[in-house]
Amino acid sequence: MLKRFIPKHSTFWILMSGSCISSLYFIYSLKDGMKWLWSEYRRYLLGYFLSVGVMSFGICYKHGPLTNERSINLLTWTLQLIAFVFIYFGITIPQVAYAIIAAILFSKVLWYPLRALYWMGREVSKFFKLEKLAIRHLTEEEYTEKGEMETVRALEELRAQCKSPDFPSWLAVTKLKTPQNTQ
């Protein structure tokens, strides 16, 4: 029912789910003391969660989604920092946590040089790009004319090659089907 009052493309649900997930993490990490807290201060805990939920909903509803670029960047960096803290404290082997955090940071850092290299490659390829050749089809008269010219040129080359002293004439004659008709 509350979803109707919130703009469709807002960060409210992202913030709400993030706060719920972080609350669940802290509840899980404090589960030993929670039994005692729940038995002694049940009303206070329910009041706290209800009041914080209503206040965060009211603030998100009143101010709407983030529109300033700096605010969005600040929220992004804060969520990433919280994620790194959760990764560090959520994994029992510190070396694995360091490796995962380093891989995440390295993948973020590598994005910018790879994007710059892609842009430079695209700019350089503009200089070496071949222009498209204009293809023009021959008419029938041009086709027969060029065919005759090429045939005459090929026959002249063949005559010149056959008249050369290093041409094996006996080998050429053996490959012909009818050697008597050659003149």
N, C-alpha and C. Protein backbone atom coordinates (compact mmCIF):
# COMPACT_ATOMS: atom_id res chain seq x y z
N MET A 1 0.81 -1.18 0.00
CA MET A 1 0.00 0.00 0.00
C MET A 1 0.87 1.26 0.00
N LEU A 2 1.98 1.21 0.72
CA LEU A 2 2.86 2.38 0.78
C LEU A 2 3.60 2.59 -0.54
N LYS A 3 3.71 1.54 -1.33
CA LYS A 3 4.45 1.63 -2.58
C LYS A 3 3.80 2.61 -3.56
N ARG A 4 2.48 2.81 -3.45
CA ARG A 4 1.79 3.73 -4.36
C ARG A 4 2.22 5.17 -4.15
N PHE A 5 2.63 5.53 -2.94
CA PHE A 5 3.01 6.91 -2.64
C PHE A 5 4.46 7.21 -2.98
N ILE A 6 5.23 6.20 -3.32
CA ILE A 6 6.65 6.38 -3.61
C ILE A 6 6.85 6.40 -5.11
N PRO A 7 7.70 7.29 -5.62
CA PRO A 7 7.97 7.30 -7.07
C PRO A 7 8.53 5.95 -7.52
N LYS A 8 8.23 5.58 -8.77
CA LYS A 8 8.62 4.26 -9.26
C LYS A 8 10.13 4.08 -9.31
N HIS A 9 10.84 5.09 -9.75
CA HIS A 9 12.29 4.97 -9.91
C HIS A 9 12.99 5.69 -8.77
N SER A 10 12.84 5.17 -7.58
CA SER A 10 13.48 5.83 -6.45
C SER A 10 14.44 4.86 -5.78
N THR A 11 15.29 5.42 -4.98
CA THR A 11 16.26 4.61 -4.26
C THR A 11 15.72 4.15 -2.91
N PHE A 12 14.45 4.41 -2.67
CA PHE A 12 13.88 4.05 -1.38
C PHE A 12 14.01 2.55 -1.12
N TRP A 13 13.63 1.74 -2.09
CA TRP A 13 13.66 0.29 -1.87
C TRP A 13 15.08 -0.22 -1.72
N ILE A 14 16.02 0.40 -2.42
CA ILE A 14 17.42 -0.01 -2.27
C ILE A 14 17.90 0.33 -0.86
N LEU A 15 17.60 1.54 -0.41
CA LEU A 15 18.00 1.93 0.95
C LEU A 15 17.30 1.07 2.00
N MET A 16 16.02 0.80 1.77
CA MET A 16 15.27 0.01 2.74
C MET A 16 15.82 -1.41 2.82
N SER A 17 16.08 -2.02 1.67
CA SER A 17 16.61 -3.39 1.70
C SER A 17 18.02 -3.41 2.28
N GLY A 18 18.83 -2.38 1.97
CA GLY A 18 20.17 -2.32 2.55
C GLY A 18 20.14 -2.17 4.05
N SER A 19 19.23 -1.34 4.55
CA SER A 19 19.14 -1.18 6.00
C SER A 19 18.60 -2.45 6.66
N CYS A 20 17.68 -3.13 5.99
CA CYS A 20 17.17 -4.39 6.55
C CYS A 20 18.26 -5.45 6.59
N ILE A 21 19.04 -5.52 5.52
CA ILE A 21 20.11 -6.53 5.48
C ILE A 21 21.16 -6.23 6.54
N SER A 22 21.54 -4.95 6.69
CA SER A 22 22.53 -4.61 7.71
C SER A 22 21.96 -4.86 9.11
N SER A 23 20.69 -4.58 9.31
CA SER A 23 20.08 -4.87 10.61
C SER A 23 20.08 -6.37 10.88
N LEU A 24 19.77 -7.15 9.87
CA LEU A 24 19.79 -8.60 10.05
C LEU A 24 21.20 -9.11 10.35
N TYR A 25 22.21 -8.52 9.73
CA TYR A 25 23.59 -8.93 10.01
C TYR A 25 23.95 -8.64 11.46
N PHE A 26 23.62 -7.44 11.92
CA PHE A 26 23.95 -7.11 13.30
C PHE A 26 23.15 -7.96 14.28
N ILE A 27 21.92 -8.28 13.95
CA ILE A 27 21.13 -9.17 14.81
C ILE A 27 21.78 -10.55 14.86
N TYR A 28 22.24 -11.04 13.72
CA TYR A 28 22.87 -12.35 13.69
C TYR A 28 24.19 -12.35 14.47
N SER A 29 24.94 -11.26 14.36
CA SER A 29 26.23 -11.21 15.06
C SER A 29 26.04 -11.07 16.58
N LEU A 30 24.94 -10.53 16.98
CA LEU A 30 24.68 -10.36 18.41
C LEU A 30 23.65 -11.36 18.95
N LYS A 31 23.56 -12.52 18.30
CA LYS A 31 22.49 -13.46 18.66
C LYS A 31 22.62 -14.02 20.08
N ASP A 32 23.83 -14.07 20.62
CA ASP A 32 23.97 -14.58 21.99
C ASP A 32 23.31 -13.64 23.00
N GLY A 33 23.54 -12.36 22.81
CA GLY A 33 22.96 -11.40 23.74
C GLY A 33 21.51 -11.07 23.43
N MET A 34 21.05 -11.50 22.27
CA MET A 34 19.68 -11.16 21.87
C MET A 34 18.63 -11.89 22.71
N LYS A 35 18.94 -13.10 23.12
CA LYS A 35 17.96 -13.83 23.94
C LYS A 35 17.70 -13.07 25.23
N TRP A 36 18.77 -12.59 25.83
CA TRP A 36 18.62 -11.83 27.07
C TRP A 36 17.92 -10.49 26.79
N LEU A 37 18.35 -9.81 25.70
CA LEU A 37 17.71 -8.53 25.37
C LEU A 37 16.23 -8.72 25.06
N TRP A 38 15.93 -9.78 24.34
CA TRP A 38 14.53 -10.02 23.96
C TRP A 38 13.67 -10.33 25.18
N SER A 39 14.21 -11.09 26.10
CA SER A 39 13.41 -11.42 27.29
C SER A 39 13.25 -10.22 28.22
N GLU A 40 14.25 -9.36 28.32
CA GLU A 40 14.19 -8.23 29.25
C GLU A 40 13.60 -6.97 28.62
N TYR A 41 13.94 -6.69 27.36
CA TYR A 41 13.58 -5.40 26.75
C TYR A 41 12.83 -5.58 25.44
N ARG A 42 11.88 -6.47 25.42
CA ARG A 42 11.13 -6.76 24.20
C ARG A 42 10.40 -5.52 23.68
N ARG A 43 9.71 -4.82 24.55
CA ARG A 43 8.95 -3.65 24.12
C ARG A 43 9.87 -2.56 23.57
N TYR A 44 11.00 -2.36 24.21
CA TYR A 44 11.93 -1.33 23.74
C TYR A 44 12.51 -1.67 22.37
N LEU A 45 12.85 -2.93 22.17
CA LEU A 45 13.39 -3.36 20.87
C LEU A 45 12.36 -3.19 19.76
N LEU A 46 11.12 -3.62 20.03
CA LEU A 46 10.07 -3.46 19.02
C LEU A 46 9.81 -1.99 18.74
N GLY A 47 9.80 -1.17 19.79
CA GLY A 47 9.60 0.26 19.60
C GLY A 47 10.74 0.89 18.82
N TYR A 48 11.97 0.45 19.11
CA TYR A 48 13.12 0.99 18.39
C TYR A 48 13.03 0.66 16.90
N PHE A 49 12.82 -0.61 16.57
CA PHE A 49 12.76 -1.00 15.16
C PHE A 49 11.58 -0.34 14.44
N LEU A 50 10.46 -0.24 15.11
CA LEU A 50 9.31 0.40 14.50
C LEU A 50 9.55 1.89 14.27
N SER A 51 10.11 2.57 15.28
CA SER A 51 10.35 4.02 15.13
C SER A 51 11.43 4.31 14.09
N VAL A 52 12.50 3.54 14.08
CA VAL A 52 13.56 3.76 13.08
C VAL A 52 13.03 3.46 11.68
N GLY A 53 12.24 2.43 11.53
CA GLY A 53 11.66 2.11 10.23
C GLY A 53 10.74 3.20 9.72
N VAL A 54 9.87 3.70 10.62
CA VAL A 54 8.94 4.76 10.22
C VAL A 54 9.69 6.05 9.90
N MET A 55 10.71 6.38 10.71
CA MET A 55 11.48 7.61 10.46
C MET A 55 12.25 7.52 9.14
N SER A 56 12.88 6.40 8.88
CA SER A 56 13.63 6.28 7.62
C SER A 56 12.68 6.30 6.43
N PHE A 57 11.51 5.69 6.57
CA PHE A 57 10.52 5.76 5.49
C PHE A 57 10.06 7.20 5.27
N GLY A 58 9.81 7.92 6.35
CA GLY A 58 9.36 9.31 6.24
C GLY A 58 10.42 10.20 5.59
N ILE A 59 11.67 10.02 5.97
CA ILE A 59 12.75 10.83 5.39
C ILE A 59 12.90 10.53 3.90
N CYS A 60 12.89 9.26 3.55
CA CYS A 60 13.01 8.90 2.13
C CYS A 60 11.80 9.38 1.34
N TYR A 61 10.62 9.33 1.94
CA TYR A 61 9.42 9.77 1.23
C TYR A 61 9.40 11.29 1.06
N LYS A 62 9.86 12.02 2.08
CA LYS A 62 9.83 13.49 2.02
C LYS A 62 10.86 14.03 1.04
N HIS A 63 12.07 13.53 1.09
CA HIS A 63 13.15 14.08 0.26
C HIS A 63 13.22 13.45 -1.12
N GLY A 64 12.64 12.32 -1.31
CA GLY A 64 12.65 11.67 -2.62
C GLY A 64 14.01 11.05 -2.92
N PRO A 65 14.17 10.61 -4.15
CA PRO A 65 15.44 9.96 -4.51
C PRO A 65 16.58 10.99 -4.59
N LEU A 66 17.79 10.47 -4.51
CA LEU A 66 18.96 11.34 -4.61
C LEU A 66 19.10 11.83 -6.05
N THR A 67 19.30 13.13 -6.19
CA THR A 67 19.46 13.70 -7.53
C THR A 67 20.83 14.32 -7.73
N ASN A 68 21.48 14.71 -6.66
CA ASN A 68 22.79 15.33 -6.75
C ASN A 68 23.84 14.24 -7.00
N GLU A 69 24.75 14.50 -7.94
CA GLU A 69 25.78 13.51 -8.28
C GLU A 69 26.69 13.23 -7.10
N ARG A 70 27.03 14.25 -6.34
CA ARG A 70 27.91 14.06 -5.18
C ARG A 70 27.23 13.20 -4.12
N SER A 71 25.95 13.41 -3.91
CA SER A 71 25.23 12.60 -2.92
C SER A 71 25.17 11.14 -3.35
N ILE A 72 24.97 10.92 -4.64
CA ILE A 72 24.93 9.54 -5.15
C ILE A 72 26.30 8.89 -4.99
N ASN A 73 27.37 9.63 -5.31
CA ASN A 73 28.73 9.08 -5.14
C ASN A 73 29.02 8.80 -3.68
N LEU A 74 28.62 9.71 -2.80
CA LEU A 74 28.84 9.51 -1.37
C LEU A 74 28.10 8.28 -0.87
N LEU A 75 26.86 8.11 -1.29
CA LEU A 75 26.09 6.93 -0.91
C LEU A 75 26.74 5.65 -1.46
N THR A 76 27.21 5.71 -2.70
CA THR A 76 27.86 4.55 -3.31
C THR A 76 29.12 4.17 -2.55
N TRP A 77 29.96 5.14 -2.24
CA TRP A 77 31.20 4.85 -1.51
C TRP A 77 30.90 4.34 -0.11
N THR A 78 29.89 4.90 0.54
CA THR A 78 29.53 4.43 1.88
C THR A 78 29.06 2.98 1.85
N LEU A 79 28.21 2.66 0.89
CA LEU A 79 27.73 1.28 0.77
C LEU A 79 28.86 0.32 0.44
N GLN A 80 29.81 0.76 -0.40
CA GLN A 80 30.95 -0.10 -0.72
C GLN A 80 31.83 -0.30 0.51
N LEU A 81 32.04 0.75 1.28
CA LEU A 81 32.83 0.63 2.50
C LEU A 81 32.15 -0.32 3.49
N ILE A 82 30.85 -0.18 3.65
CA ILE A 82 30.11 -1.09 4.53
C ILE A 82 30.21 -2.53 4.02
N ALA A 83 30.14 -2.70 2.70
CA ALA A 83 30.27 -4.04 2.12
C ALA A 83 31.65 -4.62 2.41
N PHE A 84 32.69 -3.80 2.31
CA PHE A 84 34.05 -4.28 2.61
C PHE A 84 34.18 -4.67 4.08
N VAL A 85 33.56 -3.89 4.96
CA VAL A 85 33.58 -4.24 6.39
C VAL A 85 32.85 -5.55 6.61
N PHE A 86 31.69 -5.73 5.99
CA PHE A 86 30.96 -6.99 6.12
C PHE A 86 31.76 -8.16 5.57
N ILE A 87 32.43 -7.96 4.45
CA ILE A 87 33.25 -9.03 3.88
C ILE A 87 34.38 -9.37 4.84
N TYR A 88 35.03 -8.35 5.39
CA TYR A 88 36.16 -8.60 6.28
C TYR A 88 35.73 -9.34 7.54
N PHE A 89 34.64 -8.89 8.15
CA PHE A 89 34.21 -9.53 9.39
C PHE A 89 33.37 -10.78 9.15
N GLY A 90 32.91 -10.99 7.94
CA GLY A 90 32.07 -12.14 7.64
C GLY A 90 32.85 -13.38 7.27
N ILE A 91 34.13 -13.23 6.96
CA ILE A 91 34.96 -14.38 6.56
C ILE A 91 35.96 -14.64 7.68
N THR A 92 36.06 -15.91 8.09
CA THR A 92 36.91 -16.23 9.23
C THR A 92 38.39 -16.24 8.88
N ILE A 93 38.73 -16.46 7.62
CA ILE A 93 40.13 -16.47 7.20
C ILE A 93 40.47 -15.08 6.66
N PRO A 94 41.33 -14.33 7.36
CA PRO A 94 41.60 -12.95 6.93
C PRO A 94 42.24 -12.86 5.54
N GLN A 95 43.07 -13.84 5.18
CA GLN A 95 43.72 -13.78 3.87
C GLN A 95 42.70 -13.87 2.74
N VAL A 96 41.68 -14.68 2.93
CA VAL A 96 40.62 -14.79 1.92
C VAL A 96 39.85 -13.48 1.84
N ALA A 97 39.58 -12.89 2.99
CA ALA A 97 38.87 -11.60 3.00
C ALA A 97 39.69 -10.53 2.29
N TYR A 98 41.01 -10.50 2.57
CA TYR A 98 41.88 -9.54 1.88
C TYR A 98 41.88 -9.77 0.38
N ALA A 99 41.94 -11.04 -0.02
CA ALA A 99 41.96 -11.35 -1.45
C ALA A 99 40.66 -10.93 -2.14
N ILE A 100 39.54 -11.17 -1.49
CA ILE A 100 38.25 -10.78 -2.09
C ILE A 100 38.14 -9.26 -2.18
N ILE A 101 38.52 -8.57 -1.12
CA ILE A 101 38.47 -7.10 -1.14
C ILE A 101 39.41 -6.55 -2.20
N ALA A 102 40.62 -7.13 -2.29
CA ALA A 102 41.58 -6.67 -3.32
C ALA A 102 41.05 -6.93 -4.72
N ALA A 103 40.41 -8.09 -4.92
CA ALA A 103 39.86 -8.39 -6.25
C ALA A 103 38.75 -7.41 -6.61
N ILE A 104 37.91 -7.07 -5.64
CA ILE A 104 36.83 -6.11 -5.92
C ILE A 104 37.41 -4.74 -6.23
N LEU A 105 38.37 -4.30 -5.42
CA LEU A 105 38.99 -2.99 -5.67
C LEU A 105 39.75 -2.98 -6.99
N PHE A 106 40.45 -4.08 -7.28
CA PHE A 106 41.23 -4.16 -8.53
C PHE A 106 40.31 -4.14 -9.74
N SER A 107 39.16 -4.81 -9.63
CA SER A 107 38.24 -4.79 -10.77
C SER A 107 37.65 -3.40 -10.97
N LYS A 108 37.43 -2.66 -9.88
CA LYS A 108 36.94 -1.29 -10.01
C LYS A 108 38.00 -0.38 -10.59
N VAL A 109 39.25 -0.56 -10.14
CA VAL A 109 40.34 0.30 -10.60
C VAL A 109 40.68 0.00 -12.05
N LEU A 110 40.59 -1.26 -12.46
CA LEU A 110 40.93 -1.63 -13.84
C LEU A 110 39.92 -1.12 -14.85
N TRP A 111 38.72 -0.83 -14.42
CA TRP A 111 37.67 -0.40 -15.35
C TRP A 111 38.07 0.88 -16.09
N TYR A 112 38.66 1.82 -15.37
CA TYR A 112 38.97 3.12 -15.98
C TYR A 112 40.10 3.03 -17.01
N PRO A 113 41.23 2.35 -16.73
CA PRO A 113 42.25 2.24 -17.79
C PRO A 113 41.77 1.42 -18.98
N LEU A 114 40.97 0.39 -18.74
CA LEU A 114 40.47 -0.40 -19.87
C LEU A 114 39.53 0.43 -20.73
N ARG A 115 38.71 1.24 -20.11
CA ARG A 115 37.82 2.11 -20.86
C ARG A 115 38.61 3.15 -21.65
N ALA A 116 39.70 3.68 -21.05
CA ALA A 116 40.54 4.65 -21.75
C ALA A 116 41.25 3.99 -22.93
N LEU A 117 41.74 2.75 -22.74
CA LEU A 117 42.39 2.04 -23.85
C LEU A 117 41.40 1.75 -24.97
N TYR A 118 40.19 1.41 -24.63
CA TYR A 118 39.17 1.16 -25.64
C TYR A 118 38.90 2.42 -26.44
N TRP A 119 38.80 3.56 -25.74
CA TRP A 119 38.54 4.83 -26.42
C TRP A 119 39.71 5.20 -27.32
N MET A 120 40.96 5.01 -26.83
CA MET A 120 42.12 5.34 -27.66
C MET A 120 42.19 4.44 -28.88
N GLY A 121 41.91 3.16 -28.72
CA GLY A 121 41.90 2.24 -29.86
C GLY A 121 40.86 2.63 -30.88
N ARG A 122 39.71 3.05 -30.42
CA ARG A 122 38.66 3.49 -31.34
C ARG A 122 39.07 4.75 -32.08
N GLU A 123 39.74 5.68 -31.39
CA GLU A 123 40.19 6.91 -32.04
C GLU A 123 41.30 6.62 -33.05
N VAL A 124 42.23 5.71 -32.71
CA VAL A 124 43.32 5.38 -33.63
C VAL A 124 42.79 4.64 -34.84
N SER A 125 41.80 3.80 -34.65
CA SER A 125 41.26 3.04 -35.78
C SER A 125 40.58 3.94 -36.79
N LYS A 126 40.15 5.13 -36.37
CA LYS A 126 39.54 6.06 -37.32
C LYS A 126 40.56 6.52 -38.36
N PHE A 127 41.84 6.64 -37.95
CA PHE A 127 42.87 7.10 -38.87
C PHE A 127 43.28 6.02 -39.87
N PHE A 128 43.21 4.76 -39.46
CA PHE A 128 43.65 3.67 -40.31
C PHE A 128 42.52 2.96 -41.03
N LYS A 129 41.34 3.46 -40.90
CA LYS A 129 40.19 2.82 -41.53
C LYS A 129 40.22 3.08 -43.03
N LEU A 130 40.10 2.01 -43.79
CA LEU A 130 40.08 2.13 -45.24
C LEU A 130 38.71 2.62 -45.68
N GLU A 131 38.75 3.47 -46.68
CA GLU A 131 37.49 3.95 -47.21
C GLU A 131 36.84 2.86 -48.04
N LYS A 132 35.55 2.85 -48.04
CA LYS A 132 34.84 1.83 -48.81
C LYS A 132 35.04 2.07 -50.29
N LEU A 133 35.34 0.99 -50.98
CA LEU A 133 35.52 1.09 -52.41
C LEU A 133 34.16 1.17 -53.09
N ALA A 134 34.09 2.03 -54.08
CA ALA A 134 32.85 2.15 -54.83
C ALA A 134 32.81 1.04 -55.87
N ILE A 135 31.88 0.15 -55.75
CA ILE A 135 31.76 -0.97 -56.67
C ILE A 135 30.79 -0.58 -57.78
N ARG A 136 31.30 -0.72 -59.02
CA ARG A 136 30.46 -0.39 -60.17
C ARG A 136 30.40 -1.63 -61.04
N HIS A 137 29.22 -2.05 -61.36
CA HIS A 137 29.05 -3.22 -62.20
C HIS A 137 29.25 -2.84 -63.67
N LEU A 138 29.83 -3.79 -64.41
CA LEU A 138 30.11 -3.56 -65.83
C LEU A 138 28.86 -3.81 -66.66
N THR A 139 28.77 -3.05 -67.73
CA THR A 139 27.71 -3.35 -68.69
C THR A 139 28.18 -4.51 -69.56
N GLU A 140 27.29 -5.04 -70.37
CA GLU A 140 27.64 -6.20 -71.20
C GLU A 140 28.71 -5.84 -72.23
N GLU A 141 28.62 -4.64 -72.80
CA GLU A 141 29.62 -4.22 -73.78
C GLU A 141 30.99 -4.06 -73.14
N GLU A 142 31.02 -3.45 -71.94
CA GLU A 142 32.30 -3.29 -71.23
C GLU A 142 32.88 -4.64 -70.86
N TYR A 143 32.00 -5.58 -70.48
CA TYR A 143 32.46 -6.92 -70.11
C TYR A 143 33.13 -7.63 -71.29
N THR A 144 32.50 -7.60 -72.44
CA THR A 144 33.10 -8.27 -73.61
C THR A 144 34.37 -7.55 -74.05
N GLU A 145 34.39 -6.22 -73.96
CA GLU A 145 35.59 -5.46 -74.35
C GLU A 145 36.76 -5.79 -73.44
N LYS A 146 36.51 -5.79 -72.12
CA LYS A 146 37.58 -6.12 -71.16
C LYS A 146 38.01 -7.57 -71.31
N GLY A 147 37.06 -8.46 -71.57
CA GLY A 147 37.41 -9.87 -71.78
C GLY A 147 38.33 -10.05 -72.98
N GLU A 148 38.04 -9.38 -74.08
CA GLU A 148 38.90 -9.46 -75.26
C GLU A 148 40.28 -8.87 -74.98
N MET A 149 40.32 -7.73 -74.27
CA MET A 149 41.61 -7.11 -73.95
C MET A 149 42.45 -8.03 -73.07
N GLU A 150 41.85 -8.64 -72.07
CA GLU A 150 42.59 -9.53 -71.17
C GLU A 150 43.04 -10.79 -71.91
N THR A 151 42.21 -11.29 -72.80
CA THR A 151 42.60 -12.48 -73.57
C THR A 151 43.80 -12.17 -74.45
N VAL A 152 43.78 -11.04 -75.13
CA VAL A 152 44.91 -10.64 -75.99
C VAL A 152 46.17 -10.46 -75.15
N ARG A 153 46.04 -9.82 -74.00
CA ARG A 153 47.21 -9.61 -73.12
C ARG A 153 47.76 -10.94 -72.62
N ALA A 154 46.88 -11.87 -72.22
CA ALA A 154 47.34 -13.17 -71.73
C ALA A 154 48.00 -13.97 -72.84
N LEU A 155 47.47 -13.91 -74.06
CA LEU A 155 48.09 -14.63 -75.17
C LEU A 155 49.46 -14.05 -75.50
N GLU A 156 49.62 -12.74 -75.43
CA GLU A 156 50.92 -12.12 -75.67
C GLU A 156 51.93 -12.56 -74.61
N GLU A 157 51.50 -12.62 -73.36
CA GLU A 157 52.40 -13.09 -72.29
C GLU A 157 52.78 -14.54 -72.52
N LEU A 158 51.83 -15.35 -72.95
CA LEU A 158 52.11 -16.76 -73.21
C LEU A 158 53.08 -16.92 -74.37
N ARG A 159 52.93 -16.13 -75.45
CA ARG A 159 53.86 -16.18 -76.57
C ARG A 159 55.26 -15.79 -76.13
N ALA A 160 55.34 -14.72 -75.32
CA ALA A 160 56.65 -14.27 -74.86
C ALA A 160 57.30 -15.34 -73.99
N GLN A 161 56.51 -16.00 -73.18
CA GLN A 161 57.06 -17.04 -72.31
C GLN A 161 57.49 -18.25 -73.13
N CYS A 162 56.71 -18.61 -74.14
CA CYS A 162 57.05 -19.77 -74.97
C CYS A 162 58.29 -19.51 -75.82
N LYS A 163 58.56 -18.27 -76.21
CA LYS A 163 59.73 -17.94 -77.02
C LYS A 163 60.99 -17.83 -76.19
N SER A 164 60.87 -17.81 -74.88
CA SER A 164 62.07 -17.70 -74.05
C SER A 164 62.86 -19.00 -74.12
N PRO A 165 64.23 -18.92 -74.00
CA PRO A 165 65.07 -20.12 -74.16
C PRO A 165 64.92 -21.14 -73.03
N ASP A 166 64.51 -20.74 -71.85
CA ASP A 166 64.42 -21.70 -70.74
C ASP A 166 63.04 -22.33 -70.61
N PHE A 167 62.16 -22.16 -71.58
CA PHE A 167 60.82 -22.74 -71.55
C PHE A 167 60.88 -24.20 -71.98
N PRO A 168 60.37 -25.15 -71.17
CA PRO A 168 60.39 -26.58 -71.55
C PRO A 168 59.26 -26.88 -72.53
N SER A 169 59.53 -26.73 -73.81
CA SER A 169 58.48 -26.90 -74.82
C SER A 169 57.99 -28.33 -74.90
N TRP A 170 58.88 -29.31 -74.73
CA TRP A 170 58.46 -30.70 -74.81
C TRP A 170 57.46 -31.04 -73.70
N LEU A 171 57.60 -30.42 -72.50
CA LEU A 171 56.68 -30.66 -71.39
C LEU A 171 55.32 -30.04 -71.70
N ALA A 172 55.31 -28.88 -72.30
CA ALA A 172 54.05 -28.23 -72.65
C ALA A 172 53.32 -29.02 -73.73
N VAL A 173 54.06 -29.58 -74.69
CA VAL A 173 53.44 -30.34 -75.77
C VAL A 173 52.84 -31.63 -75.24
N THR A 174 53.47 -32.27 -74.27
CA THR A 174 52.93 -33.52 -73.71
C THR A 174 51.65 -33.27 -72.93
N LYS A 175 51.47 -32.06 -72.38
CA LYS A 175 50.26 -31.77 -71.62
C LYS A 175 49.09 -31.37 -72.50
N LEU A 176 49.36 -31.03 -73.75
CA LEU A 176 48.27 -30.66 -74.66
C LEU A 176 47.52 -31.89 -75.13
N LYS A 177 46.24 -31.75 -75.37
CA LYS A 177 45.44 -32.88 -75.84
C LYS A 177 45.69 -33.11 -77.33
N THR A 178 45.74 -32.04 -78.08
CA THR A 178 45.98 -32.17 -79.52
C THR A 178 47.13 -31.25 -79.90
N PRO A 179 48.38 -31.73 -79.87
CA PRO A 179 49.53 -30.87 -80.14
C PRO A 179 49.66 -30.45 -81.60
N GLN A 180 48.98 -31.10 -82.54
CA GLN A 180 49.10 -30.73 -83.94
C GLN A 180 48.39 -29.42 -84.25
N ASN A 181 47.36 -29.05 -83.48
CA ASN A 181 46.58 -27.85 -83.76
C ASN A 181 47.19 -26.58 -83.16
N THR A 182 48.33 -26.65 -82.54
CA THR A 182 48.91 -25.47 -81.91
C THR A 182 49.73 -24.69 -82.91
N GLN A 183 49.41 -23.48 -83.20
CA GLN A 183 50.18 -22.62 -84.10
C GLN A 183 50.14 -21.22 -83.62
